[in-house]
Amino acid sequence: AGGEMGSGLWRELYLWGWSGLATVGLATLLSVALAMCQLSRRRPRLRVVRKGLTSERPKYCCVILKGRDGRILMEQRGADAKVAKGKLTCFGGKIESGETPDECIRRECREETGWEPKKVERAVDFFVDDKLVAYFYEAEAPHSTDHLKFEVGRCGVWVGDYLHDPRVSPWHHAALKSWKLGQPRANFVTPVET
């Protein structure tokens, strides 16, 4: 949390939750946050952390693009991809220096599809062996009238039964399963090779 203001401020605000807010009041809470910003000489970046989601920051962000018919739009990775070769994944990528997770997911959508969602909402925190790896957001998928332009060697695939489709990457399968069940955390356990 080095990039966040007041080292543990956001964690404390998150832990207080609504009961702490009711006890001290919103004005007091915001006054403390603004004072911490002035001390750290940073502008405040107030953010809402949904119950069950972490305040840590991962290296990656992905987005679940949900269609009106229940299917989701996924990326078909090429055979030459560095990770998840030939698999279906959600669109996303690595957070760049100075970029917020929200900015990352919008940039990745523009780069990978030529399109940007209007609204994104963080839905699942994805862990591998209990280490935070990615935030998974959800957004309304592009409409059939939106012109999409995919990166070379990749394409978009509409997937209906994504929890049983063997083409879906194991990591993304774990995140999608938690999302479908309304769970804010997914933890993929790396299989032990024998």
Protein backbone atom coordinates (compact mmCIF):
# COMPACT_ATOMS: atom_id res chain seq x y z
CA ALA A 1 0.00 0.00 0.00
CA GLY A 2 3.00 2.28 -0.52
CA GLY A 3 1.27 4.08 -3.37
CA GLU A 4 -1.75 4.86 -1.26
CA MET A 5 -1.99 7.80 1.11
CA GLY A 6 -1.40 7.43 4.85
CA SER A 7 0.04 3.90 4.71
CA GLY A 8 -2.75 2.14 6.63
CA LEU A 9 -5.52 4.72 6.36
CA TRP A 10 -7.58 2.91 3.73
CA ARG A 11 -7.25 -0.39 5.54
CA GLU A 12 -8.46 1.28 8.76
CA LEU A 13 -11.38 2.98 7.00
CA TYR A 14 -12.31 -0.35 5.41
CA LEU A 15 -12.12 -2.19 8.74
CA TRP A 16 -14.32 0.43 10.43
CA GLY A 17 -17.01 -0.29 7.86
CA TRP A 18 -20.48 1.18 8.17
CA SER A 19 -20.64 0.74 11.96
CA GLY A 20 -17.57 2.96 12.41
CA LEU A 21 -19.00 5.45 9.97
CA ALA A 22 -22.22 5.65 11.95
CA THR A 23 -20.24 6.10 15.20
CA VAL A 24 -17.86 8.88 14.14
CA GLY A 25 -19.85 10.37 11.30
CA LEU A 26 -18.99 10.93 7.65
CA ALA A 27 -17.72 14.49 8.17
CA THR A 28 -15.21 13.35 10.81
CA LEU A 29 -14.07 10.44 8.66
CA LEU A 30 -13.55 12.69 5.62
CA SER A 31 -11.74 15.28 7.76
CA VAL A 32 -9.29 12.63 8.91
CA ALA A 33 -8.77 11.44 5.32
CA LEU A 34 -8.16 14.97 4.04
CA ALA A 35 -5.76 15.72 6.91
CA MET A 36 -3.81 12.57 6.06
CA CYS A 37 -3.67 13.71 2.43
CA GLN A 38 -2.28 17.09 3.43
CA LEU A 39 0.34 15.41 5.61
CA SER A 40 1.40 13.13 2.78
CA ARG A 41 1.07 15.95 0.17
CA ARG A 42 -1.08 13.77 -2.04
CA ARG A 43 -4.50 14.47 -3.41
CA PRO A 44 -7.19 12.24 -1.92
CA ARG A 45 -8.31 9.24 -3.92
CA LEU A 46 -11.41 8.18 -2.04
CA ARG A 47 -12.59 4.78 -3.11
CA VAL A 48 -15.32 2.45 -2.03
CA VAL A 49 -14.25 -1.08 -1.21
CA ARG A 50 -17.17 -3.49 -1.37
CA LYS A 51 -17.41 -5.78 1.66
CA GLY A 52 -15.21 -8.82 1.14
CA LEU A 53 -12.84 -7.13 -1.32
CA THR A 54 -9.27 -6.34 -0.33
CA SER A 55 -7.66 -2.91 -0.15
CA GLU A 56 -4.37 -4.34 -1.50
CA ARG A 57 -3.32 -3.52 -5.07
CA PRO A 58 -2.59 -6.33 -7.53
CA LYS A 59 -0.33 -6.37 -10.60
CA TYR A 60 -3.16 -7.20 -13.02
CA CYS A 61 -6.78 -6.31 -13.81
CA CYS A 62 -9.31 -8.19 -15.92
CA VAL A 63 -12.90 -7.55 -16.92
CA ILE A 64 -15.86 -9.90 -17.23
CA LEU A 65 -17.88 -8.56 -20.18
CA LYS A 66 -21.42 -9.79 -19.63
CA GLY A 67 -23.95 -9.84 -22.44
CA ARG A 68 -27.66 -9.26 -22.04
CA ASP A 69 -28.30 -12.93 -22.89
CA GLY A 70 -26.11 -14.28 -20.05
CA ARG A 71 -23.11 -15.10 -22.22
CA ILE A 72 -19.77 -13.40 -21.66
CA LEU A 73 -17.31 -12.09 -24.23
CA MET A 74 -13.90 -13.67 -23.78
CA GLU A 75 -10.57 -13.36 -25.52
CA GLN A 76 -9.24 -16.33 -27.49
CA ARG A 77 -5.50 -16.28 -26.81
CA GLY A 78 -3.18 -17.17 -29.66
CA ALA A 79 -0.81 -20.13 -29.76
CA ASP A 80 2.10 -17.68 -29.36
CA ALA A 81 0.73 -15.98 -26.22
CA LYS A 82 3.11 -15.75 -23.24
CA VAL A 83 0.45 -17.04 -20.84
CA ALA A 84 -2.74 -19.07 -21.31
CA LYS A 85 -1.73 -20.17 -24.84
CA GLY A 86 -4.78 -21.10 -26.88
CA LYS A 87 -7.11 -20.57 -23.92
CA LEU A 88 -10.12 -18.32 -23.36
CA THR A 89 -9.53 -15.51 -20.87
CA CYS A 90 -11.23 -12.35 -19.76
CA PHE A 91 -9.80 -9.19 -21.30
CA GLY A 92 -7.19 -7.42 -19.20
CA GLY A 93 -3.54 -6.98 -18.42
CA LYS A 94 -0.84 -5.48 -16.23
CA ILE A 95 -1.34 -2.19 -14.38
CA GLU A 96 1.16 0.37 -15.67
CA SER A 97 3.13 2.72 -13.44
CA GLY A 98 0.99 5.65 -12.23
CA GLU A 99 -2.21 4.01 -13.47
CA THR A 100 -5.22 3.18 -11.32
CA PRO A 101 -6.84 -0.26 -11.70
CA ASP A 102 -9.90 1.42 -13.27
CA GLU A 103 -7.70 3.22 -15.82
CA CYS A 104 -5.88 -0.04 -16.52
CA ILE A 105 -9.01 -1.98 -17.36
CA ARG A 106 -10.30 0.76 -19.64
CA ARG A 107 -6.93 1.02 -21.45
CA GLU A 108 -6.71 -2.76 -21.83
CA CYS A 109 -10.22 -2.88 -23.32
CA ARG A 110 -9.29 -0.15 -25.82
CA GLU A 111 -6.07 -1.94 -26.77
CA GLU A 112 -7.58 -5.42 -27.00
CA THR A 113 -11.00 -4.66 -28.50
CA GLY A 114 -10.96 -1.07 -29.77
CA TRP A 115 -13.88 -0.43 -27.40
CA GLU A 116 -14.28 0.84 -23.83
CA PRO A 117 -17.02 -0.03 -21.31
CA LYS A 118 -19.09 2.85 -19.96
CA LYS A 119 -19.11 1.57 -16.38
CA VAL A 120 -16.90 -0.98 -14.63
CA GLU A 121 -17.39 -2.38 -11.13
CA ARG A 122 -14.89 -4.43 -9.18
CA ALA A 123 -16.38 -7.85 -8.56
CA VAL A 124 -13.73 -10.42 -7.57
CA ASP A 125 -10.28 -10.27 -6.00
CA PHE A 126 -8.26 -13.11 -7.52
CA PHE A 127 -5.57 -14.87 -5.49
CA VAL A 128 -3.13 -17.60 -6.48
CA ASP A 129 -1.95 -19.64 -3.51
CA ASP A 130 -3.29 -16.87 -1.21
CA LYS A 131 -1.30 -14.12 -2.99
CA LEU A 132 -3.33 -11.32 -4.63
CA VAL A 133 -2.79 -11.38 -8.41
CA ALA A 134 -5.68 -9.52 -10.05
CA TYR A 135 -8.87 -7.55 -9.65
CA PHE A 136 -11.69 -8.84 -11.84
CA TYR A 137 -14.20 -6.17 -12.81
CA GLU A 138 -17.57 -6.65 -14.46
CA ALA A 139 -19.07 -4.51 -17.19
CA GLU A 140 -21.77 -4.64 -19.80
CA ALA A 141 -20.37 -6.23 -22.95
CA PRO A 142 -20.29 -4.37 -26.27
CA HIS A 143 -23.50 -4.47 -28.29
CA SER A 144 -23.75 -6.10 -31.69
CA THR A 145 -23.63 -2.63 -33.26
CA ASP A 146 -20.27 -1.78 -31.64
CA HIS A 147 -17.32 -2.21 -33.97
CA LEU A 148 -14.62 -4.30 -32.29
CA LYS A 149 -11.02 -4.56 -33.45
CA PHE A 150 -9.03 -7.30 -31.75
CA GLU A 151 -5.28 -7.50 -31.41
CA VAL A 152 -3.41 -9.50 -34.04
CA GLY A 153 -3.57 -13.23 -33.33
CA ARG A 154 -6.51 -12.90 -30.94
CA CYS A 155 -10.27 -12.76 -31.26
CA GLY A 156 -13.41 -12.42 -29.19
CA VAL A 157 -15.59 -15.44 -28.43
CA TRP A 158 -19.06 -15.38 -26.86
CA VAL A 159 -19.23 -18.14 -24.23
CA GLY A 160 -22.45 -19.32 -22.61
CA ASP A 161 -21.41 -22.23 -20.40
CA TYR A 162 -18.12 -20.71 -19.25
CA LEU A 163 -17.99 -22.77 -16.04
CA HIS A 164 -17.90 -26.02 -18.02
CA ASP A 165 -15.99 -24.93 -21.12
CA PRO A 166 -12.56 -26.66 -21.15
CA ARG A 167 -11.12 -23.84 -23.29
CA VAL A 168 -11.36 -21.38 -20.35
CA SER A 169 -8.03 -20.78 -18.59
CA PRO A 170 -7.95 -22.40 -15.11
CA TRP A 171 -7.22 -19.05 -13.42
CA HIS A 172 -10.11 -17.35 -15.21
CA HIS A 173 -12.37 -20.31 -14.51
CA ALA A 174 -11.73 -19.86 -10.76
CA ALA A 175 -12.49 -16.12 -10.96
CA LEU A 176 -15.64 -16.70 -13.05
CA LYS A 177 -16.89 -19.36 -10.65
CA SER A 178 -16.58 -16.95 -7.69
CA TRP A 179 -18.24 -14.19 -9.73
CA LYS A 180 -21.15 -16.46 -10.69
CA LEU A 181 -21.63 -17.44 -7.02
CA GLY A 182 -21.45 -13.79 -5.89
CA GLN A 183 -18.25 -14.42 -3.91
CA PRO A 184 -15.86 -11.44 -3.79
CA ARG A 185 -12.73 -13.61 -3.50
CA ALA A 186 -11.34 -16.40 -5.67
CA ASN A 187 -8.30 -18.42 -4.68
CA PHE A 188 -6.64 -20.66 -7.23
CA VAL A 189 -4.48 -23.34 -5.65
CA THR A 190 -1.61 -24.40 -7.87
CA PRO A 191 -1.78 -28.15 -8.42
CA VAL A 192 1.15 -30.08 -6.98
CA GLU A 193 2.96 -31.99 -9.69
CA THR A 194 3.82 -35.58 -8.89
